[in-house]
N, C-alpha and C. Protein backbone atom coordinates (compact mmCIF):
# COMPACT_ATOMS: atom_id res chain seq x y z
N MET A 1 49.16 148.93 71.68
CA MET A 1 48.87 148.47 70.34
C MET A 1 49.30 149.51 69.30
N GLN A 2 49.04 150.76 69.59
CA GLN A 2 49.40 151.84 68.67
C GLN A 2 50.92 151.90 68.48
N LYS A 3 51.67 151.70 69.57
CA LYS A 3 53.13 151.74 69.51
C LYS A 3 53.67 150.60 68.65
N LYS A 4 52.99 149.44 68.72
CA LYS A 4 53.40 148.31 67.89
C LYS A 4 53.25 148.64 66.41
N LYS A 5 52.16 149.27 66.07
CA LYS A 5 51.90 149.66 64.68
C LYS A 5 52.93 150.69 64.21
N GLU A 6 53.25 151.63 65.08
CA GLU A 6 54.24 152.65 64.73
C GLU A 6 55.62 152.02 64.53
N LEU A 7 55.97 151.09 65.41
CA LEU A 7 57.25 150.40 65.30
C LEU A 7 57.31 149.58 64.02
N ALA A 8 56.23 148.90 63.71
CA ALA A 8 56.18 148.12 62.47
C ALA A 8 56.33 149.02 61.25
N GLY A 9 55.70 150.19 61.30
CA GLY A 9 55.82 151.14 60.20
C GLY A 9 57.25 151.61 60.02
N VAL A 10 57.93 151.88 61.13
CA VAL A 10 59.33 152.31 61.07
C VAL A 10 60.20 151.19 60.51
N GLN A 11 59.94 149.97 60.94
CA GLN A 11 60.73 148.83 60.46
C GLN A 11 60.52 148.60 58.97
N ILE A 12 59.29 148.73 58.52
CA ILE A 12 59.01 148.57 57.09
C ILE A 12 59.69 149.67 56.29
N GLN A 13 59.62 150.90 56.78
CA GLN A 13 60.28 152.01 56.09
C GLN A 13 61.78 151.79 56.03
N SER A 14 62.36 151.29 57.11
CA SER A 14 63.80 151.00 57.15
C SER A 14 64.15 149.91 56.15
N ALA A 15 63.32 148.89 56.06
CA ALA A 15 63.56 147.80 55.10
C ALA A 15 63.50 148.32 53.66
N PHE A 16 62.52 149.18 53.36
CA PHE A 16 62.41 149.76 52.03
C PHE A 16 63.65 150.61 51.70
N THR A 17 64.09 151.39 52.68
CA THR A 17 65.26 152.23 52.48
C THR A 17 66.50 151.38 52.20
N ASN A 18 66.67 150.31 52.98
CA ASN A 18 67.81 149.42 52.76
C ASN A 18 67.75 148.75 51.40
N GLU A 19 66.56 148.33 51.00
CA GLU A 19 66.38 147.68 49.70
C GLU A 19 66.69 148.67 48.57
N ALA A 20 66.21 149.90 48.70
CA ALA A 20 66.48 150.92 47.69
C ALA A 20 67.98 151.20 47.60
N GLN A 21 68.65 151.23 48.74
CA GLN A 21 70.10 151.47 48.75
C GLN A 21 70.84 150.32 48.06
N GLU A 22 70.42 149.09 48.30
CA GLU A 22 71.04 147.93 47.64
C GLU A 22 70.86 148.01 46.11
N ILE A 23 69.69 148.40 45.69
CA ILE A 23 69.42 148.54 44.25
C ILE A 23 70.30 149.64 43.66
N LEU A 24 70.44 150.73 44.38
CA LEU A 24 71.29 151.83 43.91
C LEU A 24 72.74 151.35 43.76
N TRP A 25 73.24 150.59 44.74
CA TRP A 25 74.61 150.09 44.64
C TRP A 25 74.77 149.12 43.47
N GLN A 26 73.74 148.33 43.19
CA GLN A 26 73.79 147.43 42.03
C GLN A 26 73.84 148.23 40.73
N ILE A 27 73.09 149.32 40.68
CA ILE A 27 73.11 150.18 39.49
C ILE A 27 74.50 150.77 39.31
N TYR A 28 75.11 151.23 40.41
CA TYR A 28 76.48 151.76 40.32
C TYR A 28 77.42 150.71 39.74
N HIS A 29 77.31 149.48 40.21
CA HIS A 29 78.18 148.41 39.71
C HIS A 29 77.97 148.21 38.21
N LYS A 30 76.72 148.20 37.78
CA LYS A 30 76.43 147.97 36.36
C LYS A 30 76.89 149.13 35.48
N GLN A 31 77.03 150.31 36.07
CA GLN A 31 77.51 151.46 35.33
C GLN A 31 79.02 151.60 35.39
N GLY A 32 79.69 150.64 36.01
CA GLY A 32 81.14 150.69 36.11
C GLY A 32 81.64 151.51 37.29
N LEU A 33 80.76 151.81 38.22
CA LEU A 33 81.14 152.58 39.40
C LEU A 33 81.15 151.70 40.65
N GLY A 34 81.60 150.47 40.47
CA GLY A 34 81.59 149.50 41.56
C GLY A 34 82.44 149.92 42.74
N LYS A 35 83.59 150.52 42.45
CA LYS A 35 84.49 150.96 43.53
C LYS A 35 83.79 152.01 44.39
N THR A 36 83.17 152.98 43.75
CA THR A 36 82.46 154.03 44.47
C THR A 36 81.33 153.43 45.30
N ALA A 37 80.60 152.50 44.70
CA ALA A 37 79.49 151.87 45.42
C ALA A 37 79.99 151.08 46.62
N ASP A 38 81.08 150.35 46.46
CA ASP A 38 81.62 149.56 47.57
C ASP A 38 82.09 150.44 48.71
N ILE A 39 82.73 151.55 48.37
CA ILE A 39 83.21 152.47 49.41
C ILE A 39 82.01 153.09 50.14
N GLU A 40 81.02 153.54 49.40
CA GLU A 40 79.83 154.13 50.02
C GLU A 40 79.10 153.10 50.89
N LYS A 41 79.09 151.86 50.45
CA LYS A 41 78.45 150.80 51.22
C LYS A 41 79.19 150.59 52.54
N LYS A 42 80.52 150.57 52.50
CA LYS A 42 81.32 150.43 53.72
C LYS A 42 81.05 151.60 54.67
N ILE A 43 81.00 152.80 54.13
CA ILE A 43 80.73 153.98 54.96
C ILE A 43 79.36 153.86 55.61
N ALA A 44 78.37 153.45 54.82
CA ALA A 44 77.01 153.29 55.36
C ALA A 44 76.97 152.22 56.45
N GLN A 45 77.73 151.15 56.25
CA GLN A 45 77.78 150.10 57.28
C GLN A 45 78.35 150.62 58.59
N TYR A 46 79.43 151.39 58.50
CA TYR A 46 80.02 151.98 59.70
C TYR A 46 79.05 152.93 60.37
N GLU A 47 78.40 153.77 59.57
CA GLU A 47 77.47 154.75 60.14
C GLU A 47 76.28 154.05 60.81
N ASN A 48 75.77 153.00 60.17
CA ASN A 48 74.65 152.26 60.77
C ASN A 48 75.08 151.50 62.02
N GLN A 49 76.27 150.92 61.96
CA GLN A 49 76.76 150.13 63.09
C GLN A 49 76.98 150.98 64.33
N TYR A 50 77.57 152.17 64.13
CA TYR A 50 77.92 153.01 65.27
C TYR A 50 76.94 154.15 65.52
N GLY A 51 75.98 154.33 64.61
CA GLY A 51 74.96 155.35 64.81
C GLY A 51 75.48 156.78 64.73
N VAL A 52 76.53 156.99 63.95
CA VAL A 52 77.10 158.33 63.80
C VAL A 52 77.31 158.62 62.32
N THR A 53 77.48 159.89 62.01
CA THR A 53 77.84 160.30 60.66
C THR A 53 79.35 160.50 60.64
N LEU A 54 80.02 159.84 59.71
CA LEU A 54 81.48 159.92 59.64
C LEU A 54 81.91 161.26 59.05
N ASN A 55 83.00 161.80 59.57
CA ASN A 55 83.54 163.04 59.01
C ASN A 55 84.41 162.71 57.80
N ASP A 56 84.90 163.74 57.13
CA ASP A 56 85.68 163.55 55.90
C ASP A 56 86.95 162.73 56.13
N GLU A 57 87.61 162.95 57.26
CA GLU A 57 88.84 162.23 57.56
C GLU A 57 88.55 160.72 57.73
N GLN A 58 87.47 160.41 58.42
CA GLN A 58 87.11 159.01 58.62
C GLN A 58 86.71 158.36 57.31
N ARG A 59 85.99 159.10 56.47
CA ARG A 59 85.61 158.57 55.16
C ARG A 59 86.85 158.29 54.31
N LYS A 60 87.83 159.20 54.39
CA LYS A 60 89.07 159.04 53.64
C LYS A 60 89.82 157.78 54.10
N LYS A 61 89.82 157.54 55.41
CA LYS A 61 90.49 156.35 55.94
C LYS A 61 89.82 155.08 55.43
N ILE A 62 88.50 155.08 55.41
CA ILE A 62 87.77 153.91 54.92
C ILE A 62 88.08 153.69 53.44
N GLU A 63 88.11 154.77 52.68
CA GLU A 63 88.43 154.66 51.25
C GLU A 63 89.86 154.14 51.05
N THR A 64 90.80 154.64 51.83
CA THR A 64 92.19 154.19 51.73
C THR A 64 92.30 152.72 52.10
N LEU A 65 91.64 152.31 53.17
CA LEU A 65 91.65 150.89 53.55
C LEU A 65 91.03 150.02 52.47
N TYR A 66 89.94 150.50 51.87
CA TYR A 66 89.31 149.75 50.78
C TYR A 66 90.29 149.59 49.61
N ASN A 67 90.95 150.67 49.24
CA ASN A 67 91.89 150.61 48.12
C ASN A 67 93.06 149.67 48.41
N LEU A 68 93.58 149.72 49.64
CA LEU A 68 94.68 148.82 50.00
C LEU A 68 94.22 147.37 50.01
N GLN A 69 93.02 147.11 50.54
CA GLN A 69 92.49 145.75 50.55
C GLN A 69 92.29 145.25 49.13
N ASN A 70 91.79 146.12 48.28
CA ASN A 70 91.58 145.77 46.88
C ASN A 70 92.91 145.45 46.19
N LYS A 71 93.91 146.26 46.47
CA LYS A 71 95.24 146.04 45.90
C LYS A 71 95.81 144.69 46.38
N LEU A 72 95.61 144.40 47.64
CA LEU A 72 96.10 143.14 48.21
C LEU A 72 95.36 141.95 47.60
N ASP A 73 94.04 142.08 47.46
CA ASP A 73 93.24 141.00 46.88
C ASP A 73 93.58 140.73 45.42
N ASN A 74 93.99 141.77 44.70
CA ASN A 74 94.23 141.63 43.26
C ASN A 74 95.70 141.55 42.88
N MET A 75 96.55 141.30 43.87
CA MET A 75 97.96 141.11 43.54
C MET A 75 98.10 139.84 42.71
N PRO A 76 98.86 139.90 41.62
CA PRO A 76 99.01 138.69 40.81
C PRO A 76 99.78 137.62 41.57
N GLN A 77 99.40 136.38 41.32
CA GLN A 77 100.10 135.27 41.95
C GLN A 77 101.50 135.15 41.36
N LEU A 78 102.40 134.63 42.16
CA LEU A 78 103.75 134.39 41.67
C LEU A 78 103.71 133.33 40.59
N LYS A 79 104.44 133.57 39.53
CA LYS A 79 104.53 132.58 38.45
C LYS A 79 105.98 132.14 38.37
N ILE A 80 106.28 131.12 39.16
CA ILE A 80 107.65 130.62 39.22
C ILE A 80 107.73 129.36 38.38
N ASP A 81 108.71 129.33 37.49
CA ASP A 81 108.90 128.19 36.59
C ASP A 81 109.97 127.27 37.17
N TYR A 82 109.52 126.11 37.67
CA TYR A 82 110.45 125.15 38.26
C TYR A 82 110.91 124.08 37.27
N THR A 83 110.45 124.14 36.06
CA THR A 83 110.74 123.06 35.11
C THR A 83 112.15 123.13 34.58
N GLU A 84 112.59 121.99 34.11
CA GLU A 84 113.91 121.90 33.51
C GLU A 84 113.79 122.25 32.03
N LYS A 85 114.66 123.13 31.58
CA LYS A 85 114.68 123.53 30.17
C LYS A 85 115.59 122.55 29.42
N THR A 86 115.08 122.04 28.34
CA THR A 86 115.88 121.10 27.54
C THR A 86 115.88 121.54 26.09
N ASN A 87 116.84 120.98 25.36
CA ASN A 87 116.84 121.19 23.92
C ASN A 87 116.58 119.84 23.26
N SER A 88 116.53 119.78 21.96
CA SER A 88 116.18 118.53 21.28
C SER A 88 117.21 117.43 21.53
N LEU A 89 118.47 117.78 21.65
CA LEU A 89 119.50 116.77 21.88
C LEU A 89 119.36 116.18 23.29
N THR A 90 119.11 117.02 24.27
CA THR A 90 118.95 116.55 25.64
C THR A 90 117.68 115.71 25.75
N ALA A 91 116.64 116.09 25.06
CA ALA A 91 115.38 115.36 25.11
C ALA A 91 115.52 113.95 24.57
N ARG A 92 116.45 113.70 23.64
CA ARG A 92 116.65 112.37 23.06
C ARG A 92 117.65 111.55 23.87
N GLY A 93 118.13 112.10 24.99
CA GLY A 93 119.09 111.35 25.80
C GLY A 93 120.52 111.71 25.48
N GLY A 94 120.71 112.85 24.87
CA GLY A 94 122.06 113.29 24.53
C GLY A 94 122.80 113.78 25.75
N PHE A 95 123.40 114.92 25.65
CA PHE A 95 124.21 115.45 26.73
C PHE A 95 123.37 115.70 27.99
N ALA A 96 123.82 115.10 29.07
CA ALA A 96 123.09 115.25 30.33
C ALA A 96 123.18 116.68 30.86
N SER A 97 124.24 117.36 30.49
CA SER A 97 124.40 118.72 30.99
C SER A 97 123.64 119.74 30.15
N GLY A 98 122.90 119.29 29.15
CA GLY A 98 122.16 120.20 28.29
C GLY A 98 120.91 120.75 28.94
N GLY A 99 120.42 120.09 29.97
CA GLY A 99 119.23 120.58 30.68
C GLY A 99 119.61 121.69 31.64
N VAL A 100 118.78 122.68 31.69
CA VAL A 100 119.06 123.83 32.57
C VAL A 100 117.84 124.06 33.47
N PHE A 101 118.08 124.18 34.76
CA PHE A 101 117.02 124.47 35.71
C PHE A 101 116.92 125.98 35.93
N THR A 102 115.77 126.42 36.37
CA THR A 102 115.57 127.83 36.68
C THR A 102 116.53 128.25 37.77
N ASP A 103 117.06 129.43 37.63
CA ASP A 103 118.03 129.97 38.58
C ASP A 103 117.36 130.16 39.95
N ILE A 104 117.91 129.52 40.97
CA ILE A 104 117.35 129.59 42.32
C ILE A 104 117.38 131.03 42.85
N ALA A 105 118.41 131.77 42.54
CA ALA A 105 118.51 133.16 43.00
C ALA A 105 117.37 133.99 42.42
N LYS A 106 117.00 133.72 41.17
CA LYS A 106 115.90 134.44 40.53
C LYS A 106 114.57 134.13 41.23
N ILE A 107 114.37 132.86 41.58
CA ILE A 107 113.16 132.46 42.29
C ILE A 107 113.11 133.14 43.66
N ASN A 108 114.22 133.13 44.37
CA ASN A 108 114.27 133.76 45.69
C ASN A 108 114.00 135.25 45.60
N THR A 109 114.51 135.89 44.57
CA THR A 109 114.28 137.33 44.38
C THR A 109 112.80 137.60 44.13
N GLN A 110 112.15 136.76 43.31
CA GLN A 110 110.73 136.93 43.05
C GLN A 110 109.91 136.78 44.34
N ILE A 111 110.26 135.77 45.13
CA ILE A 111 109.55 135.55 46.39
C ILE A 111 109.77 136.73 47.34
N LYS A 112 111.01 137.20 47.42
CA LYS A 112 111.33 138.33 48.30
C LYS A 112 110.58 139.59 47.88
N ASP A 113 110.56 139.88 46.57
CA ASP A 113 109.86 141.07 46.08
C ASP A 113 108.35 140.99 46.35
N TYR A 114 107.78 139.82 46.12
CA TYR A 114 106.35 139.61 46.35
C TYR A 114 106.02 139.80 47.83
N SER A 115 106.84 139.22 48.67
CA SER A 115 106.64 139.33 50.13
C SER A 115 106.79 140.78 50.58
N ALA A 116 107.73 141.50 50.00
CA ALA A 116 107.93 142.91 50.38
C ALA A 116 106.73 143.75 49.98
N LYS A 117 106.17 143.51 48.79
CA LYS A 117 104.99 144.26 48.36
C LYS A 117 103.81 143.98 49.30
N THR A 118 103.61 142.71 49.64
CA THR A 118 102.53 142.34 50.54
C THR A 118 102.72 142.97 51.91
N ALA A 119 103.95 142.89 52.43
CA ALA A 119 104.24 143.46 53.75
C ALA A 119 104.02 144.97 53.75
N ASN A 120 104.37 145.64 52.66
CA ASN A 120 104.18 147.08 52.56
C ASN A 120 102.70 147.46 52.63
N ILE A 121 101.87 146.73 51.90
CA ILE A 121 100.43 147.01 51.91
C ILE A 121 99.86 146.75 53.30
N LEU A 122 100.24 145.63 53.91
CA LEU A 122 99.74 145.31 55.25
C LEU A 122 100.20 146.33 56.28
N SER A 123 101.41 146.83 56.13
CA SER A 123 101.93 147.84 57.04
C SER A 123 101.12 149.13 56.93
N GLN A 124 100.79 149.52 55.71
CA GLN A 124 99.98 150.72 55.51
C GLN A 124 98.59 150.55 56.15
N MET A 125 98.02 149.36 55.97
CA MET A 125 96.71 149.09 56.55
C MET A 125 96.78 149.14 58.07
N LYS A 126 97.83 148.55 58.64
CA LYS A 126 97.98 148.54 60.09
C LYS A 126 98.12 149.96 60.64
N THR A 127 98.86 150.80 59.93
CA THR A 127 99.04 152.19 60.36
C THR A 127 97.69 152.90 60.45
N ILE A 128 96.85 152.71 59.46
CA ILE A 128 95.53 153.35 59.45
C ILE A 128 94.66 152.80 60.57
N ILE A 129 94.68 151.48 60.74
CA ILE A 129 93.83 150.85 61.75
C ILE A 129 94.27 151.24 63.15
N VAL A 130 95.58 151.23 63.40
CA VAL A 130 96.09 151.63 64.71
C VAL A 130 95.80 153.11 64.96
N GLY A 131 95.97 153.94 63.93
CA GLY A 131 95.69 155.37 64.06
C GLY A 131 94.23 155.66 64.38
N ALA A 132 93.35 154.76 63.92
CA ALA A 132 91.93 154.94 64.20
C ALA A 132 91.54 154.38 65.57
N GLY A 133 92.51 153.75 66.21
CA GLY A 133 92.26 153.19 67.54
C GLY A 133 91.46 151.91 67.54
N LEU A 134 91.48 151.20 66.41
CA LEU A 134 90.71 149.95 66.34
C LEU A 134 91.47 148.78 66.94
N ILE A 135 92.80 148.88 67.01
CA ILE A 135 93.59 147.85 67.70
C ILE A 135 94.66 148.52 68.53
């Protein structure tokens, strides 16, 4: 019976600690330190999950992965204009050759550049993950 009470006390203390940590991270976000809070939260999750304290190198890897993931998540969407450009004469049924479509080579270049940026970020992430022995 005594052990049950002790275990319950430890669980309650752990719950309070977790709640206090969540409140602290919310405060960081409200103060504009959301990035720092998110990184510290990730580090705490790893430490709790594996029951170890991460060294500086491991913390740096988590921070780098967070930054790369953030960069990937916030990449602007491609804005490709597929519409036909017309002038007032073409719009009234004038010269059929007055309408101009977006240059296909320009669209392909935009897609290629976007894909290259994405592939570069993913490659960096893979290097870190493989180096950590996670895959």
